[in-house]
């Protein structure tokens, strides 16, 4: 369990005590013992099931160990956003019900994304968000930090110093590149960023092209793009596609990136791939569930298959 995730949800919900009452052995991460090392110790001690309480970064670290050791994983959403747990249908407002999977969880298999040898359960990002992760104080003031960096990207004055190939052609110097473990839904604002399946065997690619004449407020522009019908022949600023492998390349030696919300520096080229069904999960029987994917509007962002 990561006691620092999600404004100390581990302590606020009494997760340690609740798990120990179930007969579970609990270890807390510390600066000297990260989640992956604790998971490896548990495997060495012949743990039959691994559980993790934290955000996406903590979950991905333990998921990597669980997949390699072929142990089932129980995910307890104790982070801030909990994207992976949300898309599994777990209750992200209250992490306590997820503990029940330790006793009688239902088995399921989901895909894992890999960037090089590193696992990601949510996404790998390049651009404004990745840059913000490297700023001092980001964890304490996420919105303010991102707001200080975003204008350079939104105004078209800063971009990702790399290229990415899409089925529709090569995009050079994009504003944002987002590679996700299974594709995000972006066709309707209400479900923006949801994944309605985690077992398609395909990565999701999203590229925001750098505008030649950027609008004053690109975010407002994108919101309007999602709400109004597409004019025939009008290009879309967002390109989406699905593929088993996506590569980001260029002449720069390395790029700042975010892997499941954790800052990293990756050497180019960056190769991302997906491994279908690589992770076995135990899920609680009683969970809110994933809403049914809505019907697409009469138009879509420019999507390639």
C-alpha atoms as a PDB file:
ATOM      1  CA  UNK A   1       0.000   0.000   0.000  1.00  0.00           C
ATOM      2  CA  UNK A   2       1.189   3.503  -0.841  1.00  0.00           C
ATOM      3  CA  UNK A   3       0.327   5.670   2.199  1.00  0.00           C
ATOM      4  CA  UNK A   4       0.953   8.898   0.251  1.00  0.00           C
ATOM      5  CA  UNK A   5      -1.406   8.222  -2.649  1.00  0.00           C
ATOM      6  CA  UNK A   6      -4.706  10.050  -2.998  1.00  0.00           C
ATOM      7  CA  UNK A   7      -4.235  12.423  -0.052  1.00  0.00           C
ATOM      8  CA  UNK A   8      -3.536   9.497   2.308  1.00  0.00           C
ATOM      9  CA  UNK A   9      -6.553   7.363   1.405  1.00  0.00           C
ATOM     10  CA  UNK A  10      -4.842   4.335   2.940  1.00  0.00           C
ATOM     11  CA  UNK A  11      -5.067   5.863   6.417  1.00  0.00           C
ATOM     12  CA  UNK A  12      -8.336   7.764   5.884  1.00  0.00           C
ATOM     13  CA  UNK A  13     -10.190   4.562   4.979  1.00  0.00           C
ATOM     14  CA  UNK A  14      -8.320   2.355   7.443  1.00  0.00           C
ATOM     15  CA  UNK A  15      -7.174   0.032   4.660  1.00  0.00           C
ATOM     16  CA  UNK A  16      -4.276  -1.474   6.608  1.00  0.00           C
ATOM     17  CA  UNK A  17      -6.462  -2.506   9.539  1.00  0.00           C
ATOM     18  CA  UNK A  18      -9.274  -3.761   7.299  1.00  0.00           C
ATOM     19  CA  UNK A  19      -6.900  -5.910   5.238  1.00  0.00           C
ATOM     20  CA  UNK A  20      -5.112  -7.290   8.287  1.00  0.00           C
ATOM     21  CA  UNK A  21      -8.470  -8.234   9.785  1.00  0.00           C
ATOM     22  CA  UNK A  22      -8.932 -10.421   6.704  1.00  0.00           C
ATOM     23  CA  UNK A  23      -5.637 -12.185   7.424  1.00  0.00           C
ATOM     24  CA  UNK A  24      -3.725 -10.288   4.737  1.00  0.00           C
ATOM     25  CA  UNK A  25      -0.061  -9.369   5.198  1.00  0.00           C
ATOM     26  CA  UNK A  26       0.366  -5.645   4.494  1.00  0.00           C
ATOM     27  CA  UNK A  27       3.522  -3.693   3.641  1.00  0.00           C
ATOM     28  CA  UNK A  28       3.692   0.076   3.219  1.00  0.00           C
ATOM     29  CA  UNK A  29       5.911   1.749   0.653  1.00  0.00           C
ATOM     30  CA  UNK A  30       8.688   4.006   1.944  1.00  0.00           C
ATOM     31  CA  UNK A  31      11.430   6.035   0.250  1.00  0.00           C
ATOM     32  CA  UNK A  32      13.694   2.987   0.685  1.00  0.00           C
ATOM     33  CA  UNK A  33      11.159   0.331  -0.326  1.00  0.00           C
ATOM     34  CA  UNK A  34       9.040   1.019  -3.398  1.00  0.00           C
ATOM     35  CA  UNK A  35       5.986  -0.940  -4.479  1.00  0.00           C
ATOM     36  CA  UNK A  36       7.841  -3.149  -6.953  1.00  0.00           C
ATOM     37  CA  UNK A  37      10.469  -4.244  -4.426  1.00  0.00           C
ATOM     38  CA  UNK A  38       7.799  -5.037  -1.824  1.00  0.00           C
ATOM     39  CA  UNK A  39       5.889  -7.078  -4.413  1.00  0.00           C
ATOM     40  CA  UNK A  40       9.010  -9.035  -5.334  1.00  0.00           C
ATOM     41  CA  UNK A  41       9.611  -9.792  -1.646  1.00  0.00           C
ATOM     42  CA  UNK A  42       6.028 -11.042  -1.366  1.00  0.00           C
ATOM     43  CA  UNK A  43       6.550 -13.353  -4.341  1.00  0.00           C
ATOM     44  CA  UNK A  44       9.773 -14.638  -2.779  1.00  0.00           C
ATOM     45  CA  UNK A  45       7.765 -15.366   0.384  1.00  0.00           C
ATOM     46  CA  UNK A  46       5.411 -17.489  -1.765  1.00  0.00           C
ATOM     47  CA  UNK A  47       2.460 -15.118  -1.781  1.00  0.00           C
ATOM     48  CA  UNK A  48      -0.361 -16.665  -3.808  1.00  0.00           C
ATOM     49  CA  UNK A  49      -2.086 -13.347  -4.536  1.00  0.00           C
ATOM     50  CA  UNK A  50      -0.695  -9.821  -4.754  1.00  0.00           C
ATOM     51  CA  UNK A  51      -2.748  -6.763  -3.832  1.00  0.00           C
ATOM     52  CA  UNK A  52      -1.949  -3.097  -4.385  1.00  0.00           C
ATOM     53  CA  UNK A  53      -3.520   0.043  -2.940  1.00  0.00           C
ATOM     54  CA  UNK A  54      -2.478   3.275  -4.608  1.00  0.00           C
ATOM     55  CA  UNK A  55      -2.741   5.261  -7.811  1.00  0.00           C
ATOM     56  CA  UNK A  56      -1.951   4.205 -11.372  1.00  0.00           C
ATOM     57  CA  UNK A  57       1.817   4.525 -10.878  1.00  0.00           C
ATOM     58  CA  UNK A  58       1.804   2.232  -7.841  1.00  0.00           C
ATOM     59  CA  UNK A  59      -0.587  -0.197  -9.539  1.00  0.00           C
ATOM     60  CA  UNK A  60       1.552  -0.476 -12.682  1.00  0.00           C
ATOM     61  CA  UNK A  61       4.685  -1.203 -10.615  1.00  0.00           C
ATOM     62  CA  UNK A  62       3.007  -4.124  -8.840  1.00  0.00           C
ATOM     63  CA  UNK A  63       1.179  -5.274 -11.987  1.00  0.00           C
ATOM     64  CA  UNK A  64       4.558  -5.739 -13.669  1.00  0.00           C
ATOM     65  CA  UNK A  65       5.704  -8.044 -10.863  1.00  0.00           C
ATOM     66  CA  UNK A  66       2.394  -9.914 -10.785  1.00  0.00           C
ATOM     67  CA  UNK A  67       2.439 -10.541 -14.541  1.00  0.00           C
ATOM     68  CA  UNK A  68       6.031 -11.745 -14.509  1.00  0.00           C
ATOM     69  CA  UNK A  69       5.418 -14.020 -11.504  1.00  0.00           C
ATOM     70  CA  UNK A  70       2.044 -15.170 -12.893  1.00  0.00           C
ATOM     71  CA  UNK A  71       0.240 -14.170  -9.735  1.00  0.00           C
ATOM     72  CA  UNK A  72      -3.300 -12.731  -9.713  1.00  0.00           C
ATOM     73  CA  UNK A  73      -3.568  -9.087  -8.702  1.00  0.00           C
ATOM     74  CA  UNK A  74      -6.170  -7.298  -6.574  1.00  0.00           C
ATOM     75  CA  UNK A  75      -6.431  -3.560  -7.288  1.00  0.00           C
ATOM     76  CA  UNK A  76      -7.584  -1.241  -4.493  1.00  0.00           C
ATOM     77  CA  UNK A  77      -8.189   2.313  -5.812  1.00  0.00           C
ATOM     78  CA  UNK A  78      -6.370   4.508  -3.315  1.00  0.00           C
ATOM     79  CA  UNK A  79      -4.950   7.125  -5.678  1.00  0.00           C
ATOM     80  CA  UNK A  80      -6.271  10.462  -6.878  1.00  0.00           C
ATOM     81  CA  UNK A  81      -7.609   9.676 -10.363  1.00  0.00           C
ATOM     82  CA  UNK A  82      -7.524   5.866 -10.406  1.00  0.00           C
ATOM     83  CA  UNK A  83      -7.989   5.609 -14.173  1.00  0.00           C
ATOM     84  CA  UNK A  84      -7.199   1.894 -14.355  1.00  0.00           C
ATOM     85  CA  UNK A  85      -9.432   1.011 -11.401  1.00  0.00           C
ATOM     86  CA  UNK A  86     -12.257   3.159 -12.786  1.00  0.00           C
ATOM     87  CA  UNK A  87     -12.103   1.396 -16.142  1.00  0.00           C
ATOM     88  CA  UNK A  88     -12.192  -1.955 -14.339  1.00  0.00           C
ATOM     89  CA  UNK A  89     -15.532  -0.881 -12.899  1.00  0.00           C
ATOM     90  CA  UNK A  90     -14.280  -0.462  -9.326  1.00  0.00           C
ATOM     91  CA  UNK A  91     -15.663   2.076  -6.866  1.00  0.00           C
ATOM     92  CA  UNK A  92     -13.035   4.830  -6.995  1.00  0.00           C
ATOM     93  CA  UNK A  93     -14.743   6.982  -4.364  1.00  0.00           C
ATOM     94  CA  UNK A  94     -14.531   4.295  -1.708  1.00  0.00           C
ATOM     95  CA  UNK A  95     -11.605   1.811  -1.942  1.00  0.00           C
ATOM     96  CA  UNK A  96     -12.894  -0.443   0.859  1.00  0.00           C
ATOM     97  CA  UNK A  97     -15.210  -2.671  -1.265  1.00  0.00           C
ATOM     98  CA  UNK A  98     -12.269  -3.636  -3.490  1.00  0.00           C
ATOM     99  CA  UNK A  99     -10.696  -5.499  -0.562  1.00  0.00           C
ATOM    100  CA  UNK A 100     -13.399  -8.157  -0.834  1.00  0.00           C
ATOM    101  CA  UNK A 101     -11.654  -9.508  -3.936  1.00  0.00           C
ATOM    102  CA  UNK A 102      -8.900 -10.799  -1.637  1.00  0.00           C
ATOM    103  CA  UNK A 103     -11.391 -13.316  -0.223  1.00  0.00           C
ATOM    104  CA  UNK A 104     -13.566 -14.316  -3.184  1.00  0.00           C
ATOM    105  CA  UNK A 105     -12.569 -12.295  -6.220  1.00  0.00           C
ATOM    106  CA  UNK A 106     -13.749 -13.112  -9.723  1.00  0.00           C
ATOM    107  CA  UNK A 107     -10.881 -13.858 -12.141  1.00  0.00           C
ATOM    108  CA  UNK A 108     -10.382 -11.754 -15.244  1.00  0.00           C
ATOM    109  CA  UNK A 109      -7.573 -11.091 -17.694  1.00  0.00           C
ATOM    110  CA  UNK A 110      -6.597  -7.712 -19.120  1.00  0.00           C
ATOM    111  CA  UNK A 111      -3.897  -6.394 -21.427  1.00  0.00           C
ATOM    112  CA  UNK A 112      -0.731  -4.615 -20.338  1.00  0.00           C
ATOM    113  CA  UNK A 113       1.081  -1.858 -22.193  1.00  0.00           C
ATOM    114  CA  UNK A 114       4.868  -1.908 -22.383  1.00  0.00           C
ATOM    115  CA  UNK A 115       7.226   0.948 -23.159  1.00  0.00           C
ATOM    116  CA  UNK A 116      10.506  -0.831 -23.586  1.00  0.00           C
ATOM    117  CA  UNK A 117      10.576  -3.204 -20.599  1.00  0.00           C
ATOM    118  CA  UNK A 118       8.407  -0.989 -18.395  1.00  0.00           C
ATOM    119  CA  UNK A 119       4.701  -1.683 -17.838  1.00  0.00           C
ATOM    120  CA  UNK A 120       1.905   0.864 -18.080  1.00  0.00           C
ATOM    121  CA  UNK A 121      -1.707   0.208 -17.119  1.00  0.00           C
ATOM    122  CA  UNK A 122      -3.015   3.614 -18.209  1.00  0.00           C
ATOM    123  CA  UNK A 123      -0.846   5.578 -20.628  1.00  0.00           C
ATOM    124  CA  UNK A 124       2.445   7.029 -21.803  1.00  0.00           C
ATOM    125  CA  UNK A 125       2.207  10.761 -22.482  1.00  0.00           C
ATOM    126  CA  UNK A 126       4.395  13.336 -24.206  1.00  0.00           C
ATOM    127  CA  UNK A 127       3.762  17.069 -24.136  1.00  0.00           C
ATOM    128  CA  UNK A 128       2.407  19.515 -21.566  1.00  0.00           C
ATOM    129  CA  UNK A 129       1.349  16.932 -18.977  1.00  0.00           C
ATOM    130  CA  UNK A 130       4.654  15.072 -19.168  1.00  0.00           C
ATOM    131  CA  UNK A 131       6.569  18.342 -18.734  1.00  0.00           C
ATOM    132  CA  UNK A 132       4.427  19.291 -15.725  1.00  0.00           C
ATOM    133  CA  UNK A 133       5.368  16.057 -13.944  1.00  0.00           C
ATOM    134  CA  UNK A 134       8.991  17.202 -13.834  1.00  0.00           C
ATOM    135  CA  UNK A 135       8.180  20.536 -12.179  1.00  0.00           C
ATOM    136  CA  UNK A 136       8.988  20.883  -8.444  1.00  0.00           C
ATOM    137  CA  UNK A 137       5.813  20.951  -6.397  1.00  0.00           C
ATOM    138  CA  UNK A 138       3.653  19.286  -9.057  1.00  0.00           C
ATOM    139  CA  UNK A 139       2.190  16.779  -6.576  1.00  0.00           C
ATOM    140  CA  UNK A 140       1.143  19.585  -4.220  1.00  0.00           C
ATOM    141  CA  UNK A 141      -0.289  21.895  -6.900  1.00  0.00           C
ATOM    142  CA  UNK A 142      -1.131  19.863 -10.008  1.00  0.00           C
ATOM    143  CA  UNK A 143      -3.619  22.246 -11.604  1.00  0.00           C
ATOM    144  CA  UNK A 144      -1.475  25.336 -11.039  1.00  0.00           C
ATOM    145  CA  UNK A 145       1.650  23.647 -12.393  1.00  0.00           C
ATOM    146  CA  UNK A 146      -0.080  22.364 -15.515  1.00  0.00           C
ATOM    147  CA  UNK A 147      -1.672  25.768 -16.068  1.00  0.00           C
ATOM    148  CA  UNK A 148       1.768  27.393 -16.035  1.00  0.00           C
ATOM    149  CA  UNK A 149       3.067  25.056 -18.762  1.00  0.00           C
ATOM    150  CA  UNK A 150       0.004  24.539 -20.950  1.00  0.00           C
ATOM    151  CA  UNK A 151      -0.137  28.019 -22.578  1.00  0.00           C
ATOM    152  CA  UNK A 152       3.083  27.427 -24.522  1.00  0.00           C
ATOM    153  CA  UNK A 153       1.631  24.241 -25.966  1.00  0.00           C
ATOM    154  CA  UNK A 154      -1.873  25.592 -26.444  1.00  0.00           C
ATOM    155  CA  UNK A 155      -0.518  28.636 -28.219  1.00  0.00           C
ATOM    156  CA  UNK A 156       1.515  26.511 -30.611  1.00  0.00           C
ATOM    157  CA  UNK A 157       4.820  27.858 -29.281  1.00  0.00           C
ATOM    158  CA  UNK A 158       5.975  24.535 -27.813  1.00  0.00           C
ATOM    159  CA  UNK A 159       5.621  20.997 -29.044  1.00  0.00           C
ATOM    160  CA  UNK A 160       6.898  17.447 -28.747  1.00  0.00           C
ATOM    161  CA  UNK A 161      10.275  17.258 -30.467  1.00  0.00           C
ATOM    162  CA  UNK A 162       9.548  13.986 -32.193  1.00  0.00           C
ATOM    163  CA  UNK A 163       7.449  12.328 -34.877  1.00  0.00           C
ATOM    164  CA  UNK A 164       4.906   9.539 -34.801  1.00  0.00           C
ATOM    165  CA  UNK A 165       3.571   7.445 -37.656  1.00  0.00           C
ATOM    166  CA  UNK A 166      -0.191   7.062 -37.922  1.00  0.00           C
ATOM    167  CA  UNK A 167      -2.134   5.062 -40.524  1.00  0.00           C
ATOM    168  CA  UNK A 168      -2.927   8.394 -42.143  1.00  0.00           C
ATOM    169  CA  UNK A 169       0.682   9.546 -42.376  1.00  0.00           C
ATOM    170  CA  UNK A 170       3.547  10.849 -40.249  1.00  0.00           C
ATOM    171  CA  UNK A 171       2.818  13.642 -37.775  1.00  0.00           C
ATOM    172  CA  UNK A 172       5.874  15.767 -37.070  1.00  0.00           C
ATOM    173  CA  UNK A 173       6.250  17.964 -33.985  1.00  0.00           C
ATOM    174  CA  UNK A 174       2.797  17.276 -32.516  1.00  0.00           C
ATOM    175  CA  UNK A 175       1.517  19.176 -29.508  1.00  0.00           C
ATOM    176  CA  UNK A 176       0.497  16.050 -27.598  1.00  0.00           C
ATOM    177  CA  UNK A 177       1.089  12.322 -28.010  1.00  0.00           C
ATOM    178  CA  UNK A 178      -0.855   9.923 -25.806  1.00  0.00           C
ATOM    179  CA  UNK A 179      -0.430   6.148 -26.052  1.00  0.00           C
ATOM    180  CA  UNK A 180      -2.850   4.178 -23.905  1.00  0.00           C
ATOM    181  CA  UNK A 181      -3.308   0.586 -22.800  1.00  0.00           C
ATOM    182  CA  UNK A 182      -6.443   0.035 -24.940  1.00  0.00           C
ATOM    183  CA  UNK A 183      -8.157   2.946 -26.634  1.00  0.00           C
ATOM    184  CA  UNK A 184      -9.820   5.884 -24.895  1.00  0.00           C
ATOM    185  CA  UNK A 185     -13.308   6.964 -25.827  1.00  0.00           C
ATOM    186  CA  UNK A 186     -13.163  10.550 -27.090  1.00  0.00           C
ATOM    187  CA  UNK A 187     -16.263  10.814 -29.286  1.00  0.00           C
ATOM    188  CA  UNK A 188     -18.573  12.250 -26.603  1.00  0.00           C
ATOM    189  CA  UNK A 189     -17.632  14.786 -23.888  1.00  0.00           C
ATOM    190  CA  UNK A 190     -19.454  12.966 -21.076  1.00  0.00           C
ATOM    191  CA  UNK A 191     -17.342   9.809 -21.399  1.00  0.00           C
ATOM    192  CA  UNK A 192     -14.152  11.503 -22.539  1.00  0.00           C
ATOM    193  CA  UNK A 193     -11.116   9.469 -21.507  1.00  0.00           C
ATOM    194  CA  UNK A 194     -12.968   6.296 -20.520  1.00  0.00           C
ATOM    195  CA  UNK A 195     -11.889   2.861 -21.706  1.00  0.00           C
ATOM    196  CA  UNK A 196     -14.826   0.550 -22.212  1.00  0.00           C
ATOM    197  CA  UNK A 197     -12.581  -2.486 -22.733  1.00  0.00           C
ATOM    198  CA  UNK A 198      -9.147  -3.472 -21.443  1.00  0.00           C
ATOM    199  CA  UNK A 199      -8.781  -6.660 -23.431  1.00  0.00           C
ATOM    200  CA  UNK A 200      -8.836  -5.633 -27.098  1.00  0.00           C
ATOM    201  CA  UNK A 201      -5.152  -6.437 -27.620  1.00  0.00           C
ATOM    202  CA  UNK A 202      -4.543  -2.961 -29.081  1.00  0.00           C
ATOM    203  CA  UNK A 203      -2.954   0.258 -27.904  1.00  0.00           C
ATOM    204  CA  UNK A 204      -4.826   3.518 -28.343  1.00  0.00           C
ATOM    205  CA  UNK A 205      -3.006   6.366 -30.073  1.00  0.00           C
ATOM    206  CA  UNK A 206      -4.025  10.018 -29.774  1.00  0.00           C
ATOM    207  CA  UNK A 207      -2.097  12.810 -31.460  1.00  0.00           C
ATOM    208  CA  UNK A 208      -2.926  16.481 -31.248  1.00  0.00           C
ATOM    209  CA  UNK A 209      -1.444  18.184 -34.279  1.00  0.00           C
ATOM    210  CA  UNK A 210       0.391  21.462 -33.940  1.00  0.00           C
ATOM    211  CA  UNK A 211      -1.791  24.120 -35.579  1.00  0.00           C
ATOM    212  CA  UNK A 212      -0.299  26.379 -38.231  1.00  0.00           C
ATOM    213  CA  UNK A 213      -2.570  29.163 -36.983  1.00  0.00           C
ATOM    214  CA  UNK A 214      -3.486  28.241 -33.399  1.00  0.00           C
ATOM    215  CA  UNK A 215      -6.772  29.465 -31.935  1.00  0.00           C
ATOM    216  CA  UNK A 216      -6.571  31.750 -28.862  1.00  0.00           C
ATOM    217  CA  UNK A 217      -7.847  28.968 -26.619  1.00  0.00           C
ATOM    218  CA  UNK A 218      -7.157  25.510 -27.976  1.00  0.00           C
ATOM    219  CA  UNK A 219      -8.967  23.720 -25.147  1.00  0.00           C
ATOM    220  CA  UNK A 220     -12.139  25.669 -25.845  1.00  0.00           C
ATOM    221  CA  UNK A 221     -11.657  24.911 -29.528  1.00  0.00           C
ATOM    222  CA  UNK A 222     -11.430  21.171 -28.859  1.00  0.00           C
ATOM    223  CA  UNK A 223     -14.533  21.232 -26.667  1.00  0.00           C
ATOM    224  CA  UNK A 224     -16.431  22.864 -29.509  1.00  0.00           C
ATOM    225  CA  UNK A 225     -15.051  20.257 -31.919  1.00  0.00           C
ATOM    226  CA  UNK A 226     -16.582  17.537 -29.757  1.00  0.00           C
ATOM    227  CA  UNK A 227     -19.951  19.258 -29.488  1.00  0.00           C
ATOM    228  CA  UNK A 228     -20.651  20.422 -33.022  1.00  0.00           C
ATOM    229  CA  UNK A 229     -21.128  18.380 -36.206  1.00  0.00           C
ATOM    230  CA  UNK A 230     -18.064  17.932 -38.381  1.00  0.00           C
ATOM    231  CA  UNK A 231     -18.114  20.041 -41.534  1.00  0.00           C
ATOM    232  CA  UNK A 232     -17.379  17.955 -44.595  1.00  0.00           C
ATOM    233  CA  UNK A 233     -13.755  18.339 -45.647  1.00  0.00           C
ATOM    234  CA  UNK A 234     -12.751  20.107 -42.441  1.00  0.00           C
ATOM    235  CA  UNK A 235      -9.605  18.543 -40.910  1.00  0.00           C
ATOM    236  CA  UNK A 236      -9.712  17.312 -37.322  1.00  0.00           C
ATOM    237  CA  UNK A 237      -7.048  18.530 -34.878  1.00  0.00           C
ATOM    238  CA  UNK A 238      -7.156  15.157 -33.105  1.00  0.00           C
ATOM    239  CA  UNK A 239      -6.044  11.925 -34.757  1.00  0.00           C
ATOM    240  CA  UNK A 240      -6.912   8.603 -33.103  1.00  0.00           C
ATOM    241  CA  UNK A 241      -6.093   5.050 -34.049  1.00  0.00           C
ATOM    242  CA  UNK A 242      -5.494   1.604 -32.573  1.00  0.00           C
ATOM    243  CA  UNK A 243      -2.481  -0.613 -33.135  1.00  0.00           C
ATOM    244  CA  UNK A 244      -0.484  -3.339 -31.376  1.00  0.00           C
ATOM    245  CA  UNK A 245       2.673  -1.209 -31.582  1.00  0.00           C
ATOM    246  CA  UNK A 246       3.312   2.559 -31.734  1.00  0.00           C
ATOM    247  CA  UNK A 247       6.724   4.232 -32.059  1.00  0.00           C
ATOM    248  CA  UNK A 248       7.726   7.811 -31.270  1.00  0.00           C
ATOM    249  CA  UNK A 249      11.006   8.778 -32.924  1.00  0.00           C
ATOM    250  CA  UNK A 250      13.165  11.737 -33.842  1.00  0.00           C
ATOM    251  CA  UNK A 251      16.618  13.263 -33.734  1.00  0.00           C
ATOM    252  CA  UNK A 252      16.536  14.329 -30.078  1.00  0.00           C
ATOM    253  CA  UNK A 253      18.456  11.953 -27.794  1.00  0.00           C
ATOM    254  CA  UNK A 254      15.599  11.703 -25.297  1.00  0.00           C
ATOM    255  CA  UNK A 255      12.176  13.044 -24.352  1.00  0.00           C
ATOM    256  CA  UNK A 256      10.420  13.822 -21.064  1.00  0.00           C
ATOM    257  CA  UNK A 257       7.433  11.544 -20.652  1.00  0.00           C
ATOM    258  CA  UNK A 258       4.835  10.494 -18.145  1.00  0.00           C
ATOM    259  CA  UNK A 259       4.215   6.794 -17.532  1.00  0.00           C
ATOM    260  CA  UNK A 260       1.041   6.312 -15.512  1.00  0.00           C
ATOM    261  CA  UNK A 261       1.579   9.734 -13.963  1.00  0.00           C
ATOM    262  CA  UNK A 262       5.246   9.178 -13.082  1.00  0.00           C
ATOM    263  CA  UNK A 263       7.958  11.386 -14.692  1.00  0.00           C
ATOM    264  CA  UNK A 264      10.573   9.581 -16.755  1.00  0.00           C
ATOM    265  CA  UNK A 265      13.071  10.461 -19.465  1.00  0.00           C
ATOM    266  CA  UNK A 266      12.972   8.068 -22.394  1.00  0.00           C
ATOM    267  CA  UNK A 267      15.622   7.636 -25.102  1.00  0.00           C
ATOM    268  CA  UNK A 268      14.403   7.809 -28.689  1.00  0.00           C
ATOM    269  CA  UNK A 269      13.005   5.906 -30.391  1.00  0.00           C
ATOM    270  CA  UNK A 270      10.272   5.027 -27.874  1.00  0.00           C
ATOM    271  CA  UNK A 271       8.638   1.720 -28.735  1.00  0.00           C
ATOM    272  CA  UNK A 272       5.273   0.943 -27.138  1.00  0.00           C
ATOM    273  CA  UNK A 273       3.527  -2.382 -27.520  1.00  0.00           C
ATOM    274  CA  UNK A 274       0.714  -4.320 -25.931  1.00  0.00           C
ATOM    275  CA  UNK A 275       0.659  -7.839 -24.526  1.00  0.00           C
ATOM    276  CA  UNK A 276      -2.863  -9.269 -24.653  1.00  0.00           C
ATOM    277  CA  UNK A 277      -4.157 -10.873 -21.468  1.00  0.00           C
ATOM    278  CA  UNK A 278      -0.807 -10.464 -19.712  1.00  0.00           C
ATOM    279  CA  UNK A 279      -2.324  -9.628 -16.312  1.00  0.00           C
ATOM    280  CA  UNK A 280      -4.642 -11.848 -14.286  1.00  0.00           C
ATOM    281  CA  UNK A 281      -6.922  -9.940 -11.911  1.00  0.00           C
ATOM    282  CA  UNK A 282      -9.255 -10.811  -9.069  1.00  0.00           C
ATOM    283  CA  UNK A 283     -12.194  -8.399  -9.087  1.00  0.00           C
ATOM    284  CA  UNK A 284     -14.831  -7.859  -6.382  1.00  0.00           C
ATOM    285  CA  UNK A 285     -18.186  -9.344  -7.259  1.00  0.00           C
ATOM    286  CA  UNK A 286     -20.005  -6.158  -6.264  1.00  0.00           C
ATOM    287  CA  UNK A 287     -18.679  -3.210  -8.271  1.00  0.00           C
ATOM    288  CA  UNK A 288     -20.334  -0.238  -9.975  1.00  0.00           C
ATOM    289  CA  UNK A 289     -19.402  -1.552 -13.393  1.00  0.00           C
ATOM    290  CA  UNK A 290     -18.385   0.157 -16.588  1.00  0.00           C
ATOM    291  CA  UNK A 291     -21.182   2.058 -18.359  1.00  0.00           C
ATOM    292  CA  UNK A 292     -22.121   0.864 -21.793  1.00  0.00           C
ATOM    293  CA  UNK A 293     -20.232   2.663 -24.517  1.00  0.00           C
ATOM    294  CA  UNK A 294     -22.524   5.348 -25.967  1.00  0.00           C
ATOM    295  CA  UNK A 295     -23.529   5.347 -29.588  1.00  0.00           C
ATOM    296  CA  UNK A 296     -21.173   7.506 -31.657  1.00  0.00           C
ATOM    297  CA  UNK A 297     -22.371  10.916 -32.835  1.00  0.00           C
ATOM    298  CA  UNK A 298     -22.990  11.436 -36.561  1.00  0.00           C
ATOM    299  CA  UNK A 299     -19.346  12.612 -36.828  1.00  0.00           C
ATOM    300  CA  UNK A 300     -16.121  11.367 -35.268  1.00  0.00           C
ATOM    301  CA  UNK A 301     -12.632  12.711 -34.690  1.00  0.00           C
ATOM    302  CA  UNK A 302     -10.345  11.646 -37.509  1.00  0.00           C
ATOM    303  CA  UNK A 303      -9.878   7.984 -36.706  1.00  0.00           C
ATOM    304  CA  UNK A 304      -7.737   5.402 -38.441  1.00  0.00           C
ATOM    305  CA  UNK A 305      -7.903   1.643 -38.054  1.00  0.00           C
END
